[in-house]
Every structure is written in structure tokens, then in C-alpha cells.
Amino acid sequence: RKHINTKEFQKRITEANHNFDMCCVAVWIIYIINGAAFFFNQHLLQPILGLIIPTWLSVVILVFTKSAFAAFGHYYVHSKQPNIGGVLFDSNYVGSSVLATDGH
């Protein structure tokens, strides 16, 4: 307990939390780009993004990002409250995210 309460260790925890938040933002951006590729015609986004996302890759990205949101949300549910990140857990539980991606 003494080691955990030191200023150095608390600083490392704060840095790790910040890095985790940035990872969550990066996954969110990937999810938005992937969704935009289907919402808009993929060929309309090609000049903007410089790429076309194949359907099979888009499905894989969807599965990983939805499951990642559940993991992020689970972390936020157990972190200091109030915290908006818990919404990710409520809306994207791992089991339902996997089932929802395959249409059941």
C-alpha cells in the first residue's frame, strides 16, 4: 500500500489512464471511419481517405471495435465515478456485440 500511494506511482497510474483514454479515442475514430465507409458509398470516400475498405475487412473491424468498446466500458464502470465511459459498457457488452455483428 505504501508503494501505491507514492507520488511517483500515482503519476504512472495517471499516465497509464491517459494512454488508455487515447487508445479508446483511436478505436472510436477507426469505428467511425469504418461506419462511414458503409453509410456513404465506399467509392465516395476513396478520394477523401485514400482507401477503400473491403467488406470482409470492414466486418472484422466492426467485431474488434465493438468488442473493444465493451472492454473500455468495463474499465470505465470500475473507475472513479461519475464517468461517461460506462455508457460504452452498457451499450456494447461483449456477448451482445458479437451476436449483433452477425445479425442475430
C-alpha atoms as a PDB file:
ATOM      1  CA  ARG A   1       0.000   0.000   0.000  1.00  0.00           C
ATOM      2  CA  LYS A   2       2.875   2.349   0.780  1.00  0.00           C
ATOM      3  CA  HIS A   3       4.321   1.853  -2.702  1.00  0.00           C
ATOM      4  CA  ILE A   4       0.978   2.502  -4.422  1.00  0.00           C
ATOM      5  CA  ASN A   5       0.418   5.769  -2.557  1.00  0.00           C
ATOM      6  CA  THR A   6       3.765   7.308  -3.542  1.00  0.00           C
ATOM      7  CA  LYS A   7       3.650  10.306  -5.868  1.00  0.00           C
ATOM      8  CA  GLU A   8       5.756   8.549  -8.492  1.00  0.00           C
ATOM      9  CA  PHE A   9       3.419   5.576  -8.642  1.00  0.00           C
ATOM     10  CA  GLN A  10       0.337   7.813  -8.756  1.00  0.00           C
ATOM     11  CA  LYS A  11       1.920   9.705 -11.654  1.00  0.00           C
ATOM     12  CA  ARG A  12       2.474   6.421 -13.515  1.00  0.00           C
ATOM     13  CA  ILE A  13      -1.164   5.482 -12.929  1.00  0.00           C
ATOM     14  CA  THR A  14      -2.318   8.851 -14.286  1.00  0.00           C
ATOM     15  CA  GLU A  15      -0.136   8.429 -17.382  1.00  0.00           C
ATOM     16  CA  ALA A  16      -1.438   4.897 -17.942  1.00  0.00           C
ATOM     17  CA  ASN A  17      -5.039   6.132 -17.642  1.00  0.00           C
ATOM     18  CA  HIS A  18      -4.330   8.882 -20.175  1.00  0.00           C
ATOM     19  CA  ASN A  19      -2.796   6.373 -22.606  1.00  0.00           C
ATOM     20  CA  PHE A  20      -5.823   4.118 -22.173  1.00  0.00           C
ATOM     21  CA  ASP A  21      -8.144   7.046 -22.935  1.00  0.00           C
ATOM     22  CA  MET A  22      -6.174   7.847 -26.102  1.00  0.00           C
ATOM     23  CA  CYS A  23      -6.405   4.218 -27.187  1.00  0.00           C
ATOM     24  CA  CYS A  24     -10.172   4.397 -26.706  1.00  0.00           C
ATOM     25  CA  VAL A  25     -10.332   7.545 -28.840  1.00  0.00           C
ATOM     26  CA  ALA A  26      -8.246   5.880 -31.579  1.00  0.00           C
ATOM     27  CA  VAL A  27     -10.580   2.866 -31.679  1.00  0.00           C
ATOM     28  CA  TRP A  28     -13.583   5.223 -31.785  1.00  0.00           C
ATOM     29  CA  ILE A  29     -12.083   7.035 -34.801  1.00  0.00           C
ATOM     30  CA  ILE A  30     -11.482   3.702 -36.576  1.00  0.00           C
ATOM     31  CA  TYR A  31     -15.091   2.714 -35.839  1.00  0.00           C
ATOM     32  CA  ILE A  32     -16.413   5.995 -37.281  1.00  0.00           C
ATOM     33  CA  ILE A  33     -14.299   5.717 -40.444  1.00  0.00           C
ATOM     34  CA  ASN A  34     -15.389   2.111 -40.901  1.00  0.00           C
ATOM     35  CA  GLY A  35     -19.047   3.050 -40.435  1.00  0.00           C
ATOM     36  CA  ALA A  36     -18.755   5.994 -42.810  1.00  0.00           C
ATOM     37  CA  ALA A  37     -17.416   3.645 -45.485  1.00  0.00           C
ATOM     38  CA  PHE A  38     -20.751   1.806 -45.422  1.00  0.00           C
ATOM     39  CA  PHE A  39     -23.064   4.718 -44.730  1.00  0.00           C
ATOM     40  CA  PHE A  40     -21.663   6.583 -47.687  1.00  0.00           C
ATOM     41  CA  ASN A  41     -20.641   4.815 -50.825  1.00  0.00           C
ATOM     42  CA  GLN A  42     -17.121   3.463 -50.342  1.00  0.00           C
ATOM     43  CA  HIS A  43     -16.092   4.975 -53.660  1.00  0.00           C
ATOM     44  CA  LEU A  44     -17.126   8.447 -52.477  1.00  0.00           C
ATOM     45  CA  LEU A  45     -14.756   8.146 -49.511  1.00  0.00           C
ATOM     46  CA  GLN A  46     -11.846   6.875 -51.581  1.00  0.00           C
ATOM     47  CA  PRO A  47     -10.679  10.372 -52.616  1.00  0.00           C
ATOM     48  CA  ILE A  48     -11.013  11.637 -49.012  1.00  0.00           C
ATOM     49  CA  LEU A  49      -9.419   8.727 -47.132  1.00  0.00           C
ATOM     50  CA  GLY A  50      -7.257   7.397 -49.928  1.00  0.00           C
ATOM     51  CA  LEU A  51      -8.548   3.877 -49.410  1.00  0.00           C
ATOM     52  CA  ILE A  52     -11.484   1.580 -49.946  1.00  0.00           C
ATOM     53  CA  ILE A  53     -12.301  -0.780 -47.094  1.00  0.00           C
ATOM     54  CA  PRO A  54     -13.209  -4.265 -48.396  1.00  0.00           C
ATOM     55  CA  THR A  55     -16.383  -5.717 -46.915  1.00  0.00           C
ATOM     56  CA  TRP A  56     -14.628  -8.648 -45.232  1.00  0.00           C
ATOM     57  CA  LEU A  57     -12.158  -6.278 -43.548  1.00  0.00           C
ATOM     58  CA  SER A  58     -14.940  -3.949 -42.505  1.00  0.00           C
ATOM     59  CA  VAL A  59     -16.744  -6.814 -40.739  1.00  0.00           C
ATOM     60  CA  VAL A  60     -13.546  -7.777 -38.902  1.00  0.00           C
ATOM     61  CA  ILE A  61     -13.023  -4.135 -37.876  1.00  0.00           C
ATOM     62  CA  LEU A  62     -16.625  -3.940 -36.660  1.00  0.00           C
ATOM     63  CA  VAL A  63     -16.254  -7.060 -34.488  1.00  0.00           C
ATOM     64  CA  PHE A  64     -12.991  -5.870 -32.943  1.00  0.00           C
ATOM     65  CA  THR A  65     -14.105  -2.286 -32.329  1.00  0.00           C
ATOM     66  CA  LYS A  66     -17.470  -3.257 -30.810  1.00  0.00           C
ATOM     67  CA  SER A  67     -15.748  -5.748 -28.502  1.00  0.00           C
ATOM     68  CA  ALA A  68     -13.119  -3.123 -27.643  1.00  0.00           C
ATOM     69  CA  PHE A  69     -15.874  -0.674 -26.679  1.00  0.00           C
ATOM     70  CA  ALA A  70     -17.240  -3.267 -24.259  1.00  0.00           C
ATOM     71  CA  ALA A  71     -13.780  -3.699 -22.732  1.00  0.00           C
ATOM     72  CA  PHE A  72     -13.248   0.060 -22.493  1.00  0.00           C
ATOM     73  CA  GLY A  73     -16.674   0.483 -20.950  1.00  0.00           C
ATOM     74  CA  HIS A  74     -15.981  -2.253 -18.416  1.00  0.00           C
ATOM     75  CA  TYR A  75     -12.844  -0.408 -17.353  1.00  0.00           C
ATOM     76  CA  TYR A  76     -14.747   2.861 -17.019  1.00  0.00           C
ATOM     77  CA  VAL A  77     -17.538   1.209 -14.983  1.00  0.00           C
ATOM     78  CA  HIS A  78     -14.925   0.293 -12.365  1.00  0.00           C
ATOM     79  CA  SER A  79     -13.098   3.626 -12.458  1.00  0.00           C
ATOM     80  CA  LYS A  80     -13.779   6.782 -10.478  1.00  0.00           C
ATOM     81  CA  GLN A  81     -17.373   7.974 -10.903  1.00  0.00           C
ATOM     82  CA  PRO A  82     -19.141   9.895 -12.355  1.00  0.00           C
ATOM     83  CA  ASN A  83     -17.750   8.795 -15.693  1.00  0.00           C
ATOM     84  CA  ILE A  84     -19.353   8.896 -19.144  1.00  0.00           C
ATOM     85  CA  GLY A  85     -17.248   5.939 -20.330  1.00  0.00           C
ATOM     86  CA  GLY A  86     -19.578   3.479 -18.601  1.00  0.00           C
ATOM     87  CA  VAL A  87     -22.039   4.047 -21.433  1.00  0.00           C
ATOM     88  CA  LEU A  88     -19.708   2.036 -23.676  1.00  0.00           C
ATOM     89  CA  PHE A  89     -20.136  -0.971 -21.399  1.00  0.00           C
ATOM     90  CA  ASP A  90     -23.904  -0.647 -21.249  1.00  0.00           C
ATOM     91  CA  SER A  91     -24.363  -0.309 -24.989  1.00  0.00           C
ATOM     92  CA  ASN A  92     -21.731  -2.778 -26.199  1.00  0.00           C
ATOM     93  CA  TYR A  93     -21.480  -5.732 -23.874  1.00  0.00           C
ATOM     94  CA  VAL A  94     -19.038  -8.275 -25.353  1.00  0.00           C
ATOM     95  CA  GLY A  95     -21.585 -11.071 -25.812  1.00  0.00           C
ATOM     96  CA  SER A  96     -24.205  -8.902 -27.465  1.00  0.00           C
ATOM     97  CA  SER A  97     -21.652  -7.141 -29.658  1.00  0.00           C
ATOM     98  CA  VAL A  98     -20.507 -10.455 -31.135  1.00  0.00           C
ATOM     99  CA  LEU A  99     -24.082 -11.644 -31.707  1.00  0.00           C
ATOM    100  CA  ALA A 100     -25.204  -8.307 -33.152  1.00  0.00           C
ATOM    101  CA  THR A 101     -22.450  -8.275 -35.764  1.00  0.00           C
ATOM    102  CA  ASP A 102     -23.659 -11.495 -37.320  1.00  0.00           C
ATOM    103  CA  GLY A 103     -27.293 -10.431 -37.473  1.00  0.00           C
ATOM    104  CA  HIS A 104     -28.977 -12.465 -34.752  1.00  0.00           C
END
